[in-house]
């Protein structure tokens, strides 16, 4: 009877499967209050930077936007309290409290004085205009004398 050495390749395949972001429950995917941070898209055009924050279930009054020393902070606190009618008793009651805070350093080309925001269909849209001097200028002909 001969002994056959078992190859250890099978566990590594499973290990790699669980290495993806879907299974990453480290602190980088959560805020300090152990709630999930909203996903963000940032786009740039010739005139502005556009930030989209995915925050369904919120209302525009739930958000706070602040610019301080070229740091844009988008935060929210939402506390839901369920009212109980007279004569009702709690069998189980779970409080709902959601908060997050995300900060972004504004580039030197951004005009922090003219930032605008709107909330529509679960997305907070933040428009950060670029300073006029940083926008691309059209080419011009120079006369040779």
N, C-alpha and C. Protein backbone atom coordinates (compact mmCIF):
# COMPACT_ATOMS: atom_id res chain seq x y z
N UNK A 1 0.85 -1.18 0.00
CA UNK A 1 0.00 0.00 0.00
C UNK A 1 0.88 1.23 0.00
N UNK A 2 0.58 2.17 -0.89
CA UNK A 2 1.39 3.38 -0.97
C UNK A 2 0.58 4.57 -0.46
N UNK A 3 1.27 5.51 0.09
CA UNK A 3 0.64 6.74 0.59
C UNK A 3 0.71 7.81 -0.48
N UNK A 4 -0.39 8.51 -0.68
CA UNK A 4 -0.44 9.59 -1.67
C UNK A 4 -0.58 10.91 -0.92
N UNK A 5 0.28 11.81 -1.27
CA UNK A 5 0.23 13.13 -0.63
C UNK A 5 -0.94 13.93 -1.20
N UNK A 6 -1.78 14.51 -0.34
CA UNK A 6 -2.96 15.28 -0.75
C UNK A 6 -2.52 16.69 -1.16
N UNK A 7 -2.96 17.12 -2.30
CA UNK A 7 -2.66 18.47 -2.77
C UNK A 7 -3.54 19.47 -2.04
N UNK A 8 -2.97 20.57 -1.64
CA UNK A 8 -3.67 21.58 -0.85
C UNK A 8 -4.21 22.71 -1.72
N UNK A 9 -4.54 22.43 -2.98
CA UNK A 9 -4.99 23.48 -3.89
C UNK A 9 -6.46 23.84 -3.71
N UNK A 10 -7.28 22.94 -3.30
CA UNK A 10 -8.71 23.19 -3.17
C UNK A 10 -9.04 24.32 -2.20
N UNK A 11 -8.45 24.35 -1.01
CA UNK A 11 -8.76 25.47 -0.11
C UNK A 11 -8.36 26.83 -0.69
N UNK A 12 -7.30 26.89 -1.47
CA UNK A 12 -6.89 28.19 -2.01
C UNK A 12 -7.92 28.75 -3.00
N UNK A 13 -8.60 27.88 -3.73
CA UNK A 13 -9.65 28.33 -4.65
C UNK A 13 -10.78 28.99 -3.85
N UNK A 14 -11.20 28.35 -2.76
CA UNK A 14 -12.24 28.92 -1.92
C UNK A 14 -11.77 30.19 -1.24
N UNK A 15 -10.52 30.21 -0.81
CA UNK A 15 -9.98 31.41 -0.17
C UNK A 15 -10.05 32.60 -1.12
N UNK A 16 -9.68 32.39 -2.38
CA UNK A 16 -9.72 33.49 -3.35
C UNK A 16 -11.14 33.95 -3.61
N UNK A 17 -12.11 33.05 -3.57
CA UNK A 17 -13.51 33.41 -3.78
C UNK A 17 -13.97 34.39 -2.70
N UNK A 18 -13.55 34.18 -1.47
CA UNK A 18 -14.00 35.02 -0.37
C UNK A 18 -13.15 36.27 -0.17
N UNK A 19 -12.15 36.49 -1.04
CA UNK A 19 -11.31 37.66 -0.91
C UNK A 19 -11.93 38.90 -1.55
N UNK A 20 -13.00 38.77 -2.31
CA UNK A 20 -13.61 39.90 -3.01
C UNK A 20 -14.23 40.90 -2.06
N UNK A 21 -14.57 42.07 -2.61
CA UNK A 21 -15.17 43.14 -1.81
C UNK A 21 -16.50 42.74 -1.19
N UNK A 22 -17.23 41.84 -1.83
CA UNK A 22 -18.52 41.43 -1.31
C UNK A 22 -18.39 40.83 0.09
N UNK A 23 -17.28 40.16 0.32
CA UNK A 23 -17.08 39.50 1.60
C UNK A 23 -16.12 40.26 2.51
N UNK A 24 -15.81 41.50 2.17
CA UNK A 24 -14.92 42.31 2.99
C UNK A 24 -15.74 43.05 4.04
N UNK A 25 -15.73 42.56 5.25
CA UNK A 25 -16.48 43.18 6.34
C UNK A 25 -15.54 43.90 7.29
N UNK A 26 -14.41 44.36 6.78
CA UNK A 26 -13.48 45.12 7.61
C UNK A 26 -14.04 46.52 7.86
N UNK A 27 -13.34 47.28 8.66
CA UNK A 27 -13.82 48.60 9.05
C UNK A 27 -13.88 49.60 7.90
N UNK A 28 -13.22 49.32 6.79
CA UNK A 28 -13.23 50.31 5.71
C UNK A 28 -14.59 50.43 5.04
N UNK A 29 -15.48 49.44 5.19
CA UNK A 29 -16.81 49.50 4.59
C UNK A 29 -17.87 50.02 5.54
N UNK A 30 -17.50 50.44 6.71
CA UNK A 30 -18.47 50.88 7.69
C UNK A 30 -18.06 52.22 8.27
N UNK A 31 -19.05 53.00 8.72
CA UNK A 31 -18.76 54.25 9.39
C UNK A 31 -18.45 53.97 10.85
N UNK A 32 -18.18 55.01 11.61
CA UNK A 32 -17.87 54.84 13.02
C UNK A 32 -19.06 54.31 13.81
N UNK A 33 -20.25 54.44 13.28
CA UNK A 33 -21.45 53.96 13.99
C UNK A 33 -21.87 52.58 13.49
N UNK A 34 -20.96 51.88 12.79
CA UNK A 34 -21.21 50.54 12.27
C UNK A 34 -22.37 50.48 11.28
N UNK A 35 -22.57 51.53 10.53
CA UNK A 35 -23.54 51.51 9.44
C UNK A 35 -22.77 51.56 8.13
N UNK A 36 -23.35 51.06 7.08
CA UNK A 36 -22.67 51.03 5.78
C UNK A 36 -22.53 52.44 5.23
N UNK A 37 -21.35 52.75 4.72
CA UNK A 37 -21.13 54.04 4.08
C UNK A 37 -21.77 54.04 2.70
N UNK A 38 -22.38 55.15 2.30
CA UNK A 38 -22.98 55.19 0.96
C UNK A 38 -21.90 55.20 -0.12
N UNK A 39 -22.22 54.59 -1.24
CA UNK A 39 -21.31 54.58 -2.39
C UNK A 39 -21.30 55.95 -3.04
N UNK A 40 -20.18 56.29 -3.66
CA UNK A 40 -20.00 57.61 -4.25
C UNK A 40 -19.43 57.47 -5.66
N UNK A 41 -19.96 58.24 -6.59
CA UNK A 41 -19.38 58.41 -7.93
C UNK A 41 -18.90 59.85 -8.03
N UNK A 42 -17.71 60.04 -8.61
CA UNK A 42 -17.19 61.39 -8.83
C UNK A 42 -16.83 61.51 -10.31
N UNK A 43 -17.44 62.50 -10.96
CA UNK A 43 -17.19 62.75 -12.38
C UNK A 43 -16.60 64.15 -12.53
N UNK A 44 -15.84 64.33 -13.59
CA UNK A 44 -15.24 65.63 -13.86
C UNK A 44 -15.54 66.04 -15.29
N UNK A 45 -15.95 67.30 -15.46
CA UNK A 45 -16.14 67.85 -16.79
C UNK A 45 -15.24 69.09 -16.89
N UNK A 46 -15.32 69.79 -17.99
CA UNK A 46 -14.51 70.99 -18.16
C UNK A 46 -14.94 72.09 -17.19
N UNK A 47 -16.21 72.07 -16.75
CA UNK A 47 -16.74 73.14 -15.93
C UNK A 47 -16.88 72.81 -14.44
N UNK A 48 -16.95 71.51 -14.10
CA UNK A 48 -17.26 71.18 -12.70
C UNK A 48 -16.86 69.75 -12.35
N UNK A 49 -16.86 69.50 -11.05
CA UNK A 49 -16.76 68.15 -10.50
C UNK A 49 -18.17 67.79 -10.04
N UNK A 50 -18.63 66.59 -10.32
CA UNK A 50 -19.96 66.15 -9.93
C UNK A 50 -19.85 64.92 -9.04
N UNK A 51 -20.40 65.04 -7.84
CA UNK A 51 -20.37 63.96 -6.87
C UNK A 51 -21.79 63.41 -6.73
N UNK A 52 -21.94 62.09 -6.80
CA UNK A 52 -23.21 61.43 -6.61
C UNK A 52 -23.08 60.50 -5.41
N UNK A 53 -23.94 60.71 -4.41
CA UNK A 53 -23.91 59.90 -3.19
C UNK A 53 -25.19 59.07 -3.16
N UNK A 54 -25.07 57.74 -3.16
CA UNK A 54 -26.23 56.86 -3.13
C UNK A 54 -26.72 56.74 -1.69
N UNK A 55 -27.88 57.33 -1.41
CA UNK A 55 -28.45 57.32 -0.06
C UNK A 55 -29.97 57.19 -0.13
N UNK A 56 -30.47 56.02 -0.56
CA UNK A 56 -31.92 55.85 -0.65
C UNK A 56 -32.57 55.84 0.73
N UNK A 57 -33.80 56.30 0.78
CA UNK A 57 -34.55 56.30 2.03
C UNK A 57 -34.35 57.55 2.87
N UNK A 58 -33.50 58.44 2.43
CA UNK A 58 -33.28 59.69 3.14
C UNK A 58 -34.13 60.79 2.54
N UNK A 59 -34.18 61.93 3.19
CA UNK A 59 -34.82 63.13 2.66
C UNK A 59 -33.76 64.21 2.61
N UNK A 60 -34.01 65.24 1.81
CA UNK A 60 -32.98 66.27 1.65
C UNK A 60 -32.63 66.95 2.97
N UNK A 61 -33.58 67.04 3.89
CA UNK A 61 -33.31 67.64 5.19
C UNK A 61 -32.44 66.79 6.10
N UNK A 62 -32.22 65.53 5.73
CA UNK A 62 -31.39 64.64 6.54
C UNK A 62 -29.90 64.88 6.32
N UNK A 63 -29.54 65.61 5.25
CA UNK A 63 -28.13 65.79 4.90
C UNK A 63 -27.57 67.09 5.43
N UNK A 64 -26.27 67.08 5.66
CA UNK A 64 -25.53 68.28 6.03
C UNK A 64 -24.29 68.31 5.15
N UNK A 65 -24.11 69.42 4.42
CA UNK A 65 -22.92 69.61 3.60
C UNK A 65 -22.14 70.78 4.17
N UNK A 66 -20.84 70.60 4.32
CA UNK A 66 -20.01 71.64 4.92
C UNK A 66 -18.66 71.69 4.21
N UNK A 67 -18.19 72.90 3.95
CA UNK A 67 -16.85 73.09 3.39
C UNK A 67 -16.03 73.83 4.43
N UNK A 68 -14.89 73.25 4.79
CA UNK A 68 -14.00 73.85 5.77
C UNK A 68 -12.56 73.57 5.35
N UNK A 69 -11.81 74.62 5.06
CA UNK A 69 -10.40 74.49 4.65
C UNK A 69 -10.23 73.51 3.48
N UNK A 70 -11.00 73.71 2.43
CA UNK A 70 -10.95 72.87 1.22
C UNK A 70 -11.31 71.41 1.47
N UNK A 71 -12.06 71.14 2.51
CA UNK A 71 -12.53 69.80 2.80
C UNK A 71 -14.06 69.81 2.77
N UNK A 72 -14.64 69.09 1.80
CA UNK A 72 -16.09 68.98 1.69
C UNK A 72 -16.52 67.76 2.49
N UNK A 73 -17.43 67.95 3.43
CA UNK A 73 -17.94 66.85 4.25
C UNK A 73 -19.43 66.70 3.99
N UNK A 74 -19.84 65.50 3.61
CA UNK A 74 -21.24 65.15 3.42
C UNK A 74 -21.59 64.21 4.57
N UNK A 75 -22.58 64.60 5.36
CA UNK A 75 -22.96 63.76 6.50
C UNK A 75 -24.47 63.72 6.64
N UNK A 76 -24.92 62.76 7.42
CA UNK A 76 -26.35 62.61 7.66
C UNK A 76 -26.58 61.90 8.98
N UNK A 77 -27.65 62.28 9.63
CA UNK A 77 -28.13 61.58 10.81
C UNK A 77 -29.63 61.40 10.63
N UNK A 78 -30.09 60.19 10.81
CA UNK A 78 -31.51 59.91 10.64
C UNK A 78 -31.94 58.99 11.77
N UNK A 79 -32.89 59.45 12.56
CA UNK A 79 -33.40 58.68 13.68
C UNK A 79 -34.89 58.46 13.44
N UNK A 80 -35.29 57.20 13.45
CA UNK A 80 -36.69 56.86 13.22
C UNK A 80 -37.29 56.35 14.52
N UNK A 81 -38.33 57.02 14.96
CA UNK A 81 -39.03 56.59 16.17
C UNK A 81 -40.45 56.19 15.78
N UNK A 82 -40.82 55.00 16.13
CA UNK A 82 -42.17 54.51 15.81
C UNK A 82 -43.12 54.89 16.93
N UNK A 83 -44.19 55.56 16.56
CA UNK A 83 -45.21 55.94 17.54
C UNK A 83 -46.08 54.73 17.88
N UNK A 84 -46.54 54.68 19.10
CA UNK A 84 -47.39 53.58 19.55
C UNK A 84 -48.73 54.16 19.96
N UNK A 85 -49.80 53.56 19.46
CA UNK A 85 -51.14 54.02 19.79
C UNK A 85 -51.48 53.67 21.24
N UNK A 86 -52.43 54.37 21.77
CA UNK A 86 -52.85 54.14 23.15
C UNK A 86 -53.35 52.70 23.32
N UNK A 87 -52.93 52.07 24.40
CA UNK A 87 -53.34 50.71 24.69
C UNK A 87 -52.43 49.65 24.09
N UNK A 88 -51.46 50.03 23.27
CA UNK A 88 -50.53 49.06 22.68
C UNK A 88 -49.34 48.87 23.60
N UNK A 89 -48.75 47.69 23.53
CA UNK A 89 -47.57 47.39 24.31
C UNK A 89 -46.48 46.89 23.37
N UNK A 90 -45.25 47.08 23.78
CA UNK A 90 -44.13 46.57 23.01
C UNK A 90 -43.91 45.10 23.34
N UNK A 91 -43.86 44.29 22.31
CA UNK A 91 -43.36 42.93 22.46
C UNK A 91 -41.89 42.95 22.11
N UNK A 92 -41.58 43.71 21.07
CA UNK A 92 -40.19 43.94 20.65
C UNK A 92 -40.17 45.27 19.93
N UNK A 93 -39.18 46.06 20.22
CA UNK A 93 -39.06 47.34 19.53
C UNK A 93 -37.59 47.55 19.21
N UNK A 94 -37.29 47.82 17.96
CA UNK A 94 -35.92 48.07 17.55
C UNK A 94 -35.82 49.51 17.07
N UNK A 95 -34.88 50.21 17.63
CA UNK A 95 -34.66 51.59 17.23
C UNK A 95 -33.91 51.60 15.91
N UNK A 96 -34.14 52.63 15.14
CA UNK A 96 -33.43 52.79 13.89
C UNK A 96 -32.67 54.11 13.91
N UNK A 97 -31.37 54.02 13.78
CA UNK A 97 -30.53 55.21 13.78
C UNK A 97 -29.48 55.01 12.71
N UNK A 98 -29.45 55.90 11.75
CA UNK A 98 -28.48 55.81 10.66
C UNK A 98 -27.69 57.10 10.61
N UNK A 99 -26.39 56.98 10.47
CA UNK A 99 -25.57 58.17 10.27
C UNK A 99 -24.34 57.79 9.46
N UNK A 100 -23.82 58.75 8.75
CA UNK A 100 -22.57 58.57 8.03
C UNK A 100 -21.92 59.91 7.84
N UNK A 101 -20.66 59.88 7.51
CA UNK A 101 -19.91 61.09 7.20
C UNK A 101 -18.83 60.72 6.21
N UNK A 102 -18.79 61.42 5.07
CA UNK A 102 -17.75 61.22 4.07
C UNK A 102 -17.13 62.57 3.77
N UNK A 103 -15.82 62.60 3.68
CA UNK A 103 -15.11 63.86 3.43
C UNK A 103 -14.25 63.72 2.18
N UNK A 104 -14.17 64.84 1.43
CA UNK A 104 -13.41 64.88 0.19
C UNK A 104 -12.58 66.16 0.16
N UNK A 105 -11.31 66.03 -0.13
CA UNK A 105 -10.44 67.19 -0.26
C UNK A 105 -10.68 67.82 -1.63
N UNK A 106 -11.02 69.10 -1.64
CA UNK A 106 -11.28 69.79 -2.89
C UNK A 106 -9.96 70.14 -3.56
N UNK A 107 -9.86 69.93 -4.87
CA UNK A 107 -8.63 70.34 -5.57
C UNK A 107 -8.55 71.87 -5.65
N UNK A 108 -7.36 72.37 -5.93
CA UNK A 108 -7.16 73.82 -6.03
C UNK A 108 -8.01 74.45 -7.12
N UNK A 109 -8.41 73.66 -8.11
CA UNK A 109 -9.21 74.19 -9.23
C UNK A 109 -10.69 74.33 -8.88
N UNK A 110 -11.12 73.79 -7.74
CA UNK A 110 -12.54 73.82 -7.36
C UNK A 110 -12.90 75.15 -6.72
N UNK A 111 -14.12 75.62 -7.00
CA UNK A 111 -14.65 76.85 -6.41
C UNK A 111 -15.60 76.47 -5.28
N UNK A 112 -15.06 76.39 -4.07
CA UNK A 112 -15.83 75.97 -2.91
C UNK A 112 -16.94 76.91 -2.51
N UNK A 113 -16.94 78.13 -3.04
CA UNK A 113 -17.97 79.13 -2.70
C UNK A 113 -19.27 78.93 -3.48
N UNK A 114 -19.22 78.17 -4.57
CA UNK A 114 -20.40 78.03 -5.43
C UNK A 114 -20.93 76.59 -5.50
N UNK A 115 -20.67 75.79 -4.49
CA UNK A 115 -21.14 74.40 -4.49
C UNK A 115 -22.66 74.36 -4.37
N UNK A 116 -23.28 73.50 -5.15
CA UNK A 116 -24.74 73.32 -5.12
C UNK A 116 -25.04 71.84 -4.92
N UNK A 117 -26.20 71.55 -4.32
CA UNK A 117 -26.60 70.16 -4.10
C UNK A 117 -28.10 70.01 -4.26
N UNK A 118 -28.50 68.81 -4.70
CA UNK A 118 -29.93 68.47 -4.76
C UNK A 118 -30.04 66.97 -4.50
N UNK A 119 -31.18 66.58 -3.96
CA UNK A 119 -31.45 65.17 -3.65
C UNK A 119 -32.64 64.73 -4.49
N UNK A 120 -32.44 63.65 -5.27
CA UNK A 120 -33.49 63.18 -6.17
C UNK A 120 -33.40 61.66 -6.31
N UNK A 121 -34.52 60.97 -6.06
CA UNK A 121 -34.63 59.52 -6.24
C UNK A 121 -33.51 58.73 -5.56
N UNK A 122 -33.19 59.08 -4.32
CA UNK A 122 -32.21 58.32 -3.56
C UNK A 122 -30.76 58.68 -3.82
N UNK A 123 -30.53 59.69 -4.65
CA UNK A 123 -29.16 60.11 -4.96
C UNK A 123 -29.00 61.58 -4.57
N UNK A 124 -27.93 61.87 -3.81
CA UNK A 124 -27.57 63.25 -3.51
C UNK A 124 -26.56 63.69 -4.57
N UNK A 125 -26.93 64.72 -5.33
CA UNK A 125 -26.07 65.25 -6.39
C UNK A 125 -25.40 66.52 -5.88
N UNK A 126 -24.06 66.54 -5.89
CA UNK A 126 -23.31 67.71 -5.45
C UNK A 126 -22.49 68.19 -6.64
N UNK A 127 -22.69 69.46 -7.02
CA UNK A 127 -21.95 70.06 -8.13
C UNK A 127 -20.95 71.04 -7.56
N UNK A 128 -19.67 70.82 -7.89
CA UNK A 128 -18.59 71.68 -7.43
C UNK A 128 -18.01 72.36 -8.67
N UNK A 129 -18.38 73.62 -8.93
CA UNK A 129 -17.86 74.30 -10.12
C UNK A 129 -16.35 74.51 -10.04
N UNK A 130 -15.74 74.58 -11.20
CA UNK A 130 -14.32 74.88 -11.26
C UNK A 130 -14.14 76.40 -11.31
N UNK A 131 -13.01 76.87 -10.81
CA UNK A 131 -12.68 78.29 -10.88
C UNK A 131 -12.52 78.67 -12.34
N UNK A 132 -12.92 79.90 -12.66
CA UNK A 132 -12.86 80.35 -14.06
C UNK A 132 -11.44 80.25 -14.62
N UNK A 133 -10.44 80.59 -13.82
CA UNK A 133 -9.07 80.59 -14.33
C UNK A 133 -8.54 79.17 -14.57
N UNK A 134 -9.21 78.17 -14.03
CA UNK A 134 -8.74 76.79 -14.22
C UNK A 134 -9.45 76.09 -15.39
N UNK A 135 -10.51 76.70 -15.91
CA UNK A 135 -11.22 76.09 -17.04
C UNK A 135 -10.36 76.19 -18.30
N UNK A 136 -10.44 75.20 -19.17
CA UNK A 136 -9.67 75.26 -20.41
C UNK A 136 -10.11 76.43 -21.28
N UNK A 137 -9.16 77.12 -21.79
CA UNK A 137 -9.44 78.27 -22.64
C UNK A 137 -9.40 77.84 -24.11
N UNK A 138 -10.29 78.41 -24.94
CA UNK A 138 -10.24 78.06 -26.36
C UNK A 138 -8.96 78.62 -26.99
N UNK A 139 -8.50 77.95 -28.02
CA UNK A 139 -7.29 78.43 -28.68
C UNK A 139 -7.59 79.75 -29.39
N UNK A 140 -6.58 80.56 -29.49
CA UNK A 140 -6.74 81.84 -30.19
C UNK A 140 -5.53 82.07 -31.07
N UNK A 141 -5.75 82.78 -32.10
CA UNK A 141 -4.66 83.09 -33.05
C UNK A 141 -3.90 84.31 -32.53
N UNK A 142 -2.61 84.26 -32.64
CA UNK A 142 -1.75 85.38 -32.22
C UNK A 142 -1.17 86.01 -33.48
N UNK A 143 -1.39 87.30 -33.58
CA UNK A 143 -0.91 88.03 -34.75
C UNK A 143 0.58 88.27 -34.63
N UNK A 144 1.28 87.99 -35.70
CA UNK A 144 2.72 88.20 -35.74
C UNK A 144 2.98 89.57 -36.35
N UNK A 145 3.79 90.37 -35.67
CA UNK A 145 4.06 91.73 -36.16
C UNK A 145 5.44 91.85 -36.70
